[in-house]
Amino acid sequence: MEWELWRRDDDGAVEWLFIPVDYADRPDLLGDADWQLDWTVEAPGWNAACTARNEYLGWEPYRPMLRDDGTPYPEDESYQGP
């Protein structure tokens, strides 16, 4: 699955939008705003995509929510969009 990282600058504040390419509400989210495509990544699900996104942006490592046994929630591994 391909994910896109969109960016817009609003009066000096940077906004980010991270969504799958085929997300049904994608046109509504991008709307008429001045979003610019910043980066794309292939990842099987939300956790992998967010891990790659944080590395790309130089942010601290992404930490998924974990179950009591320390493993990621399966639904997050295959999550298809916001």
PDB file of N, CA and C in Angstrom:
ATOM      1  N   MET A   1       0.834  -1.171   0.000  1.00  0.00           N
ATOM      2  CA  MET A   1       0.000   0.000   0.000  1.00  0.00           C
ATOM      3  C   MET A   1       0.884   1.241   0.000  1.00  0.00           C
ATOM      4  N   GLU A   2       0.472   2.227  -0.774  1.00  0.00           N
ATOM      5  CA  GLU A   2       1.235   3.469  -0.852  1.00  0.00           C
ATOM      6  C   GLU A   2       0.585   4.528   0.038  1.00  0.00           C
ATOM      7  N   TRP A   3       1.429   5.244   0.757  1.00  0.00           N
ATOM      8  CA  TRP A   3       0.994   6.307   1.667  1.00  0.00           C
ATOM      9  C   TRP A   3       1.608   7.623   1.215  1.00  0.00           C
ATOM     10  N   GLU A   4       0.887   8.721   1.410  1.00  0.00           N
ATOM     11  CA  GLU A   4       1.360  10.042   1.024  1.00  0.00           C
ATOM     12  C   GLU A   4       1.443  10.959   2.238  1.00  0.00           C
ATOM     13  N   LEU A   5       2.476  11.761   2.251  1.00  0.00           N
ATOM     14  CA  LEU A   5       2.637  12.795   3.272  1.00  0.00           C
ATOM     15  C   LEU A   5       2.481  14.145   2.580  1.00  0.00           C
ATOM     16  N   TRP A   6       1.436  14.858   2.973  1.00  0.00           N
ATOM     17  CA  TRP A   6       1.144  16.161   2.413  1.00  0.00           C
ATOM     18  C   TRP A   6       1.502  17.239   3.435  1.00  0.00           C
ATOM     19  N   ARG A   7       1.891  18.401   2.914  1.00  0.00           N
ATOM     20  CA  ARG A   7       2.318  19.507   3.783  1.00  0.00           C
ATOM     21  C   ARG A   7       1.694  20.809   3.284  1.00  0.00           C
ATOM     22  N   ARG A   8       1.353  21.659   4.234  1.00  0.00           N
ATOM     23  CA  ARG A   8       0.978  23.023   3.883  1.00  0.00           C
ATOM     24  C   ARG A   8       1.463  23.944   4.989  1.00  0.00           C
ATOM     25  N   ASP A   9       1.810  25.148   4.576  1.00  0.00           N
ATOM     26  CA  ASP A   9       2.248  26.182   5.512  1.00  0.00           C
ATOM     27  C   ASP A   9       1.114  27.174   5.665  1.00  0.00           C
ATOM     28  N   ASP A  10       0.708  27.385   6.900  1.00  0.00           N
ATOM     29  CA  ASP A  10      -0.394  28.296   7.179  1.00  0.00           C
ATOM     30  C   ASP A  10       0.087  29.347   8.164  1.00  0.00           C
ATOM     31  N   ASP A  11       0.411  30.507   7.644  1.00  0.00           N
ATOM     32  CA  ASP A  11       0.906  31.618   8.472  1.00  0.00           C
ATOM     33  C   ASP A  11       2.099  31.200   9.325  1.00  0.00           C
ATOM     34  N   GLY A  12       3.039  30.485   8.725  1.00  0.00           N
ATOM     35  CA  GLY A  12       4.247  30.079   9.420  1.00  0.00           C
ATOM     36  C   GLY A  12       4.142  28.769  10.177  1.00  0.00           C
ATOM     37  N   ALA A  13       2.937  28.235  10.315  1.00  0.00           N
ATOM     38  CA  ALA A  13       2.749  26.941  10.983  1.00  0.00           C
ATOM     39  C   ALA A  13       2.627  25.852   9.924  1.00  0.00           C
ATOM     40  N   VAL A  14       3.383  24.786  10.094  1.00  0.00           N
ATOM     41  CA  VAL A  14       3.353  23.676   9.146  1.00  0.00           C
ATOM     42  C   VAL A  14       2.304  22.666   9.592  1.00  0.00           C
ATOM     43  N   GLU A  15       1.463  22.267   8.662  1.00  0.00           N
ATOM     44  CA  GLU A  15       0.479  21.216   8.903  1.00  0.00           C
ATOM     45  C   GLU A  15       0.861  20.007   8.060  1.00  0.00           C
ATOM     46  N   TRP A  16       0.660  18.815   8.619  1.00  0.00           N
ATOM     47  CA  TRP A  16       0.952  17.566   7.913  1.00  0.00           C
ATOM     48  C   TRP A  16      -0.319  16.741   7.802  1.00  0.00           C
ATOM     49  N   LEU A  17      -0.452  16.041   6.696  1.00  0.00           N
ATOM     50  CA  LEU A  17      -1.544  15.101   6.483  1.00  0.00           C
ATOM     51  C   LEU A  17      -0.924  13.829   5.914  1.00  0.00           C
ATOM     52  N   PHE A  18      -1.142  12.706   6.578  1.00  0.00           N
ATOM     53  CA  PHE A  18      -0.541  11.427   6.184  1.00  0.00           C
ATOM     54  C   PHE A  18      -1.669  10.442   5.934  1.00  0.00           C
ATOM     55  N   ILE A  19      -1.845  10.037   4.675  1.00  0.00           N
ATOM     56  CA  ILE A  19      -2.975   9.194   4.294  1.00  0.00           C
ATOM     57  C   ILE A  19      -2.582   8.192   3.216  1.00  0.00           C
ATOM     58  N   PRO A  20      -3.335   7.084   3.130  1.00  0.00           N
ATOM     59  CA  PRO A  20      -3.104   6.156   2.031  1.00  0.00           C
ATOM     60  C   PRO A  20      -3.586   6.767   0.713  1.00  0.00           C
ATOM     61  N   VAL A  21      -2.915   6.424  -0.370  1.00  0.00           N
ATOM     62  CA  VAL A  21      -3.244   6.962  -1.686  1.00  0.00           C
ATOM     63  C   VAL A  21      -4.691   6.668  -2.062  1.00  0.00           C
ATOM     64  N   ASP A  22      -5.167   5.472  -1.738  1.00  0.00           N
ATOM     65  CA  ASP A  22      -6.515   5.093  -2.156  1.00  0.00           C
ATOM     66  C   ASP A  22      -7.586   5.347  -1.093  1.00  0.00           C
ATOM     67  N   TYR A  23      -7.314   6.182  -0.120  1.00  0.00           N
ATOM     68  CA  TYR A  23      -8.285   6.493   0.933  1.00  0.00           C
ATOM     69  C   TYR A  23      -9.489   7.209   0.317  1.00  0.00           C
ATOM     70  N   ALA A  24     -10.675   6.713   0.587  1.00  0.00           N
ATOM     71  CA  ALA A  24     -11.896   7.216  -0.054  1.00  0.00           C
ATOM     72  C   ALA A  24     -12.144   8.704   0.199  1.00  0.00           C
ATOM     73  N   ASP A  25     -11.841   9.200   1.390  1.00  0.00           N
ATOM     74  CA  ASP A  25     -12.099  10.600   1.721  1.00  0.00           C
ATOM     75  C   ASP A  25     -10.928  11.523   1.386  1.00  0.00           C
ATOM     76  N   ARG A  26      -9.960  11.012   0.665  1.00  0.00           N
ATOM     77  CA  ARG A  26      -8.768  11.786   0.332  1.00  0.00           C
ATOM     78  C   ARG A  26      -9.104  13.133  -0.322  1.00  0.00           C
ATOM     79  N   PRO A  27      -9.975  13.176  -1.348  1.00  0.00           N
ATOM     80  CA  PRO A  27     -10.276  14.482  -1.960  1.00  0.00           C
ATOM     81  C   PRO A  27     -10.877  15.475  -0.969  1.00  0.00           C
ATOM     82  N   ASP A  28     -11.722  14.982  -0.063  1.00  0.00           N
ATOM     83  CA  ASP A  28     -12.330  15.868   0.929  1.00  0.00           C
ATOM     84  C   ASP A  28     -11.299  16.390   1.920  1.00  0.00           C
ATOM     85  N   LEU A  29     -10.354  15.548   2.299  1.00  0.00           N
ATOM     86  CA  LEU A  29      -9.323  15.968   3.250  1.00  0.00           C
ATOM     87  C   LEU A  29      -8.403  17.018   2.643  1.00  0.00           C
ATOM     88  N   LEU A  30      -8.052  16.828   1.386  1.00  0.00           N
ATOM     89  CA  LEU A  30      -7.148  17.775   0.734  1.00  0.00           C
ATOM     90  C   LEU A  30      -7.892  19.052   0.343  1.00  0.00           C
ATOM     91  N   GLY A  31      -9.169  18.920   0.011  1.00  0.00           N
ATOM     92  CA  GLY A  31     -10.015  20.074  -0.288  1.00  0.00           C
ATOM     93  C   GLY A  31      -9.377  21.053  -1.251  1.00  0.00           C
ATOM     94  N   ASP A  32      -9.654  22.301  -1.022  1.00  0.00           N
ATOM     95  CA  ASP A  32      -9.116  23.364  -1.867  1.00  0.00           C
ATOM     96  C   ASP A  32      -7.881  24.012  -1.257  1.00  0.00           C
ATOM     97  N   ALA A  33      -7.400  23.442  -0.165  1.00  0.00           N
ATOM     98  CA  ALA A  33      -6.243  24.029   0.529  1.00  0.00           C
ATOM     99  C   ALA A  33      -4.980  23.872  -0.314  1.00  0.00           C
ATOM    100  N   ASP A  34      -3.977  24.584   0.070  1.00  0.00           N
ATOM    101  CA  ASP A  34      -2.708  24.573  -0.660  1.00  0.00           C
ATOM    102  C   ASP A  34      -1.794  23.439  -0.198  1.00  0.00           C
ATOM    103  N   TRP A  35      -2.288  22.235  -0.198  1.00  0.00           N
ATOM    104  CA  TRP A  35      -1.481  21.085   0.186  1.00  0.00           C
ATOM    105  C   TRP A  35      -0.483  20.780  -0.919  1.00  0.00           C
ATOM    106  N   GLN A  36       0.732  20.414  -0.530  1.00  0.00           N
ATOM    107  CA  GLN A  36       1.764  20.001  -1.480  1.00  0.00           C
ATOM    108  C   GLN A  36       2.242  18.612  -1.075  1.00  0.00           C
ATOM    109  N   LEU A  37       2.324  17.727  -2.049  1.00  0.00           N
ATOM    110  CA  LEU A  37       2.820  16.389  -1.781  1.00  0.00           C
ATOM    111  C   LEU A  37       4.300  16.477  -1.427  1.00  0.00           C
ATOM    112  N   ASP A  38       4.657  15.968  -0.268  1.00  0.00           N
ATOM    113  CA  ASP A  38       6.031  16.052   0.223  1.00  0.00           C
ATOM    114  C   ASP A  38       6.791  14.740   0.041  1.00  0.00           C
ATOM    115  N   TRP A  39       6.080  13.590   0.195  1.00  0.00           N
ATOM    116  CA  TRP A  39       6.793  12.311   0.245  1.00  0.00           C
ATOM    117  C   TRP A  39       5.795  11.175   0.125  1.00  0.00           C
ATOM    118  N   THR A  40       6.229  10.050  -0.420  1.00  0.00           N
ATOM    119  CA  THR A  40       5.405   8.838  -0.468  1.00  0.00           C
ATOM    120  C   THR A  40       6.225   7.655   0.022  1.00  0.00           C
ATOM    121  N   VAL A  41       5.514   6.635   0.518  1.00  0.00           N
ATOM    122  CA  VAL A  41       6.183   5.431   1.012  1.00  0.00           C
ATOM    123  C   VAL A  41       5.265   4.226   0.788  1.00  0.00           C
ATOM    124  N   GLU A  42       5.855   3.081   0.524  1.00  0.00           N
ATOM    125  CA  GLU A  42       5.131   1.814   0.455  1.00  0.00           C
ATOM    126  C   GLU A  42       5.235   1.153   1.820  1.00  0.00           C
ATOM    127  N   ALA A  43       4.092   0.761   2.383  1.00  0.00           N
ATOM    128  CA  ALA A  43       4.077   0.097   3.690  1.00  0.00           C
ATOM    129  C   ALA A  43       2.798  -0.737   3.789  1.00  0.00           C
ATOM    130  N   PRO A  44       2.869  -1.878   4.467  1.00  0.00           N
ATOM    131  CA  PRO A  44       1.706  -2.754   4.547  1.00  0.00           C
ATOM    132  C   PRO A  44       0.582  -2.257   5.451  1.00  0.00           C
ATOM    133  N   GLY A  45       0.875  -1.365   6.373  1.00  0.00           N
ATOM    134  CA  GLY A  45      -0.154  -0.896   7.300  1.00  0.00           C
ATOM    135  C   GLY A  45       0.297   0.343   8.039  1.00  0.00           C
ATOM    136  N   TRP A  46      -0.561   0.784   8.939  1.00  0.00           N
ATOM    137  CA  TRP A  46      -0.362   2.031   9.670  1.00  0.00           C
ATOM    138  C   TRP A  46       0.950   2.078  10.443  1.00  0.00           C
ATOM    139  N   ASN A  47       1.259   1.032  11.214  1.00  0.00           N
ATOM    140  CA  ASN A  47       2.469   1.061  12.050  1.00  0.00           C
ATOM    141  C   ASN A  47       3.735   1.202  11.214  1.00  0.00           C
ATOM    142  N   ALA A  48       3.854   0.416  10.165  1.00  0.00           N
ATOM    143  CA  ALA A  48       5.039   0.499   9.304  1.00  0.00           C
ATOM    144  C   ALA A  48       5.114   1.846   8.601  1.00  0.00           C
ATOM    145  N   ALA A  49       3.959   2.353   8.155  1.00  0.00           N
ATOM    146  CA  ALA A  49       3.938   3.639   7.469  1.00  0.00           C
ATOM    147  C   ALA A  49       4.351   4.774   8.416  1.00  0.00           C
ATOM    148  N   CYS A  50       3.833   4.749   9.631  1.00  0.00           N
ATOM    149  CA  CYS A  50       4.183   5.800  10.604  1.00  0.00           C
ATOM    150  C   CYS A  50       5.635   5.710  11.042  1.00  0.00           C
ATOM    151  N   THR A  51       6.159   4.500  11.130  1.00  0.00           N
ATOM    152  CA  THR A  51       7.577   4.329  11.453  1.00  0.00           C
ATOM    153  C   THR A  51       8.437   4.982  10.381  1.00  0.00           C
ATOM    154  N   ALA A  52       8.116   4.721   9.104  1.00  0.00           N
ATOM    155  CA  ALA A  52       8.863   5.310   7.997  1.00  0.00           C
ATOM    156  C   ALA A  52       8.693   6.824   7.961  1.00  0.00           C
ATOM    157  N   ARG A  53       7.473   7.302   8.207  1.00  0.00           N
ATOM    158  CA  ARG A  53       7.208   8.745   8.201  1.00  0.00           C
ATOM    159  C   ARG A  53       8.054   9.463   9.248  1.00  0.00           C
ATOM    160  N   ASN A  54       8.084   8.916  10.462  1.00  0.00           N
ATOM    161  CA  ASN A  54       8.849   9.565  11.526  1.00  0.00           C
ATOM    162  C   ASN A  54      10.334   9.576  11.211  1.00  0.00           C
ATOM    163  N   GLU A  55      10.839   8.488  10.627  1.00  0.00           N
ATOM    164  CA  GLU A  55      12.247   8.460  10.212  1.00  0.00           C
ATOM    165  C   GLU A  55      12.504   9.523   9.156  1.00  0.00           C
ATOM    166  N   TYR A  56      11.634   9.624   8.165  1.00  0.00           N
ATOM    167  CA  TYR A  56      11.789  10.600   7.093  1.00  0.00           C
ATOM    168  C   TYR A  56      11.834  12.032   7.638  1.00  0.00           C
ATOM    169  N   LEU A  57      10.939  12.335   8.576  1.00  0.00           N
ATOM    170  CA  LEU A  57      10.856  13.693   9.120  1.00  0.00           C
ATOM    171  C   LEU A  57      11.881  13.982  10.212  1.00  0.00           C
ATOM    172  N   GLY A  58      12.610  12.953  10.633  1.00  0.00           N
ATOM    173  CA  GLY A  58      13.594  13.145  11.687  1.00  0.00           C
ATOM    174  C   GLY A  58      12.968  13.259  13.064  1.00  0.00           C
ATOM    175  N   TRP A  59      11.752  12.758  13.195  1.00  0.00           N
ATOM    176  CA  TRP A  59      11.057  12.763  14.474  1.00  0.00           C
ATOM    177  C   TRP A  59      11.513  11.576  15.307  1.00  0.00           C
ATOM    178  N   GLU A  60      11.150  11.585  16.570  1.00  0.00           N
ATOM    179  CA  GLU A  60      11.481  10.438  17.427  1.00  0.00           C
ATOM    180  C   GLU A  60      10.783   9.192  16.869  1.00  0.00           C
ATOM    181  N   PRO A  61      11.299   8.011  17.203  1.00  0.00           N
ATOM    182  CA  PRO A  61      10.707   6.786  16.656  1.00  0.00           C
ATOM    183  C   PRO A  61       9.214   6.674  16.976  1.00  0.00           C
ATOM    184  N   TYR A  62       8.462   6.185  15.996  1.00  0.00           N
ATOM    185  CA  TYR A  62       7.032   5.963  16.186  1.00  0.00           C
ATOM    186  C   TYR A  62       6.847   4.813  17.163  1.00  0.00           C
ATOM    187  N   ARG A  63       5.950   4.997  18.095  1.00  0.00           N
ATOM    188  CA  ARG A  63       5.658   3.959  19.084  1.00  0.00           C
ATOM    189  C   ARG A  63       4.193   3.579  18.994  1.00  0.00           C
ATOM    190  N   PRO A  64       3.884   2.433  18.382  1.00  0.00           N
ATOM    191  CA  PRO A  64       2.485   2.029  18.282  1.00  0.00           C
ATOM    192  C   PRO A  64       1.919   1.669  19.650  1.00  0.00           C
ATOM    193  N   MET A  65       0.608   1.769  19.770  1.00  0.00           N
ATOM    194  CA  MET A  65      -0.042   1.289  20.983  1.00  0.00           C
ATOM    195  C   MET A  65       0.125  -0.223  21.012  1.00  0.00           C
ATOM    196  N   LEU A  66       0.418  -0.762  22.173  1.00  0.00           N
ATOM    197  CA  LEU A  66       0.673  -2.192  22.297  1.00  0.00           C
ATOM    198  C   LEU A  66      -0.355  -2.849  23.217  1.00  0.00           C
ATOM    199  N   ARG A  67      -0.591  -4.121  22.957  1.00  0.00           N
ATOM    200  CA  ARG A  67      -1.463  -4.904  23.829  1.00  0.00           C
ATOM    201  C   ARG A  67      -0.690  -5.252  25.098  1.00  0.00           C
ATOM    202  N   ASP A  68      -1.376  -5.847  26.060  1.00  0.00           N
ATOM    203  CA  ASP A  68      -0.739  -6.215  27.333  1.00  0.00           C
ATOM    204  C   ASP A  68       0.452  -7.140  27.142  1.00  0.00           C
ATOM    205  N   ASP A  69       0.436  -7.947  26.076  1.00  0.00           N
ATOM    206  CA  ASP A  69       1.553  -8.868  25.845  1.00  0.00           C
ATOM    207  C   ASP A  69       2.714  -8.211  25.102  1.00  0.00           C
ATOM    208  N   GLY A  70       2.605  -6.897  24.828  1.00  0.00           N
ATOM    209  CA  GLY A  70       3.702  -6.168  24.198  1.00  0.00           C
ATOM    210  C   GLY A  70       3.694  -6.189  22.682  1.00  0.00           C
ATOM    211  N   THR A  71       2.703  -6.822  22.074  1.00  0.00           N
ATOM    212  CA  THR A  71       2.628  -6.871  20.613  1.00  0.00           C
ATOM    213  C   THR A  71       1.641  -5.808  20.110  1.00  0.00           C
ATOM    214  N   PRO A  72       1.865  -5.329  18.874  1.00  0.00           N
ATOM    215  CA  PRO A  72       0.938  -4.335  18.316  1.00  0.00           C
ATOM    216  C   PRO A  72      -0.448  -4.936  18.090  1.00  0.00           C
ATOM    217  N   TYR A  73      -1.447  -4.089  18.138  1.00  0.00           N
ATOM    218  CA  TYR A  73      -2.794  -4.533  17.824  1.00  0.00           C
ATOM    219  C   TYR A  73      -2.859  -4.935  16.344  1.00  0.00           C
ATOM    220  N   PRO A  74      -3.394  -6.103  16.040  1.00  0.00           N
ATOM    221  CA  PRO A  74      -3.456  -6.551  14.632  1.00  0.00           C
ATOM    222  C   PRO A  74      -4.187  -5.577  13.726  1.00  0.00           C
ATOM    223  N   GLU A  75      -5.232  -4.929  14.219  1.00  0.00           N
ATOM    224  CA  GLU A  75      -5.971  -3.992  13.383  1.00  0.00           C
ATOM    225  C   GLU A  75      -5.128  -2.780  13.011  1.00  0.00           C
ATOM    226  N   ASP A  76      -4.137  -2.417  13.829  1.00  0.00           N
ATOM    227  CA  ASP A  76      -3.246  -1.322  13.465  1.00  0.00           C
ATOM    228  C   ASP A  76      -2.252  -1.749  12.395  1.00  0.00           C
ATOM    229  N   GLU A  77      -1.873  -2.993  12.393  1.00  0.00           N
ATOM    230  CA  GLU A  77      -0.920  -3.483  11.403  1.00  0.00           C
ATOM    231  C   GLU A  77      -1.494  -3.397   9.990  1.00  0.00           C
ATOM    232  N   SER A  78      -2.801  -3.547   9.875  1.00  0.00           N
ATOM    233  CA  SER A  78      -3.421  -3.534   8.535  1.00  0.00           C
ATOM    234  C   SER A  78      -4.349  -2.331   8.331  1.00  0.00           C
ATOM    235  N   TYR A  79      -4.270  -1.354   9.214  1.00  0.00           N
ATOM    236  CA  TYR A  79      -5.120  -0.164   9.144  1.00  0.00           C
ATOM    237  C   TYR A  79      -4.980   0.509   7.790  1.00  0.00           C
ATOM    238  N   GLN A  80      -6.097   0.879   7.182  1.00  0.00           N
ATOM    239  CA  GLN A  80      -6.094   1.399   5.821  1.00  0.00           C
ATOM    240  C   GLN A  80      -6.292   2.906   5.705  1.00  0.00           C
ATOM    241  N   GLY A  81      -6.431   3.620   6.798  1.00  0.00           N
ATOM    242  CA  GLY A  81      -6.591   5.065   6.683  1.00  0.00           C
ATOM    243  C   GLY A  81      -7.114   5.713   7.951  1.00  0.00           C
ATOM    244  N   PRO A  82      -7.109   7.060   7.970  1.00  0.00           N
ATOM    245  CA  PRO A  82      -7.525   7.782   9.166  1.00  0.00           C
ATOM    246  C   PRO A  82      -8.995   7.597   9.512  1.00  0.00           C
TER     247      PRO A  82
END
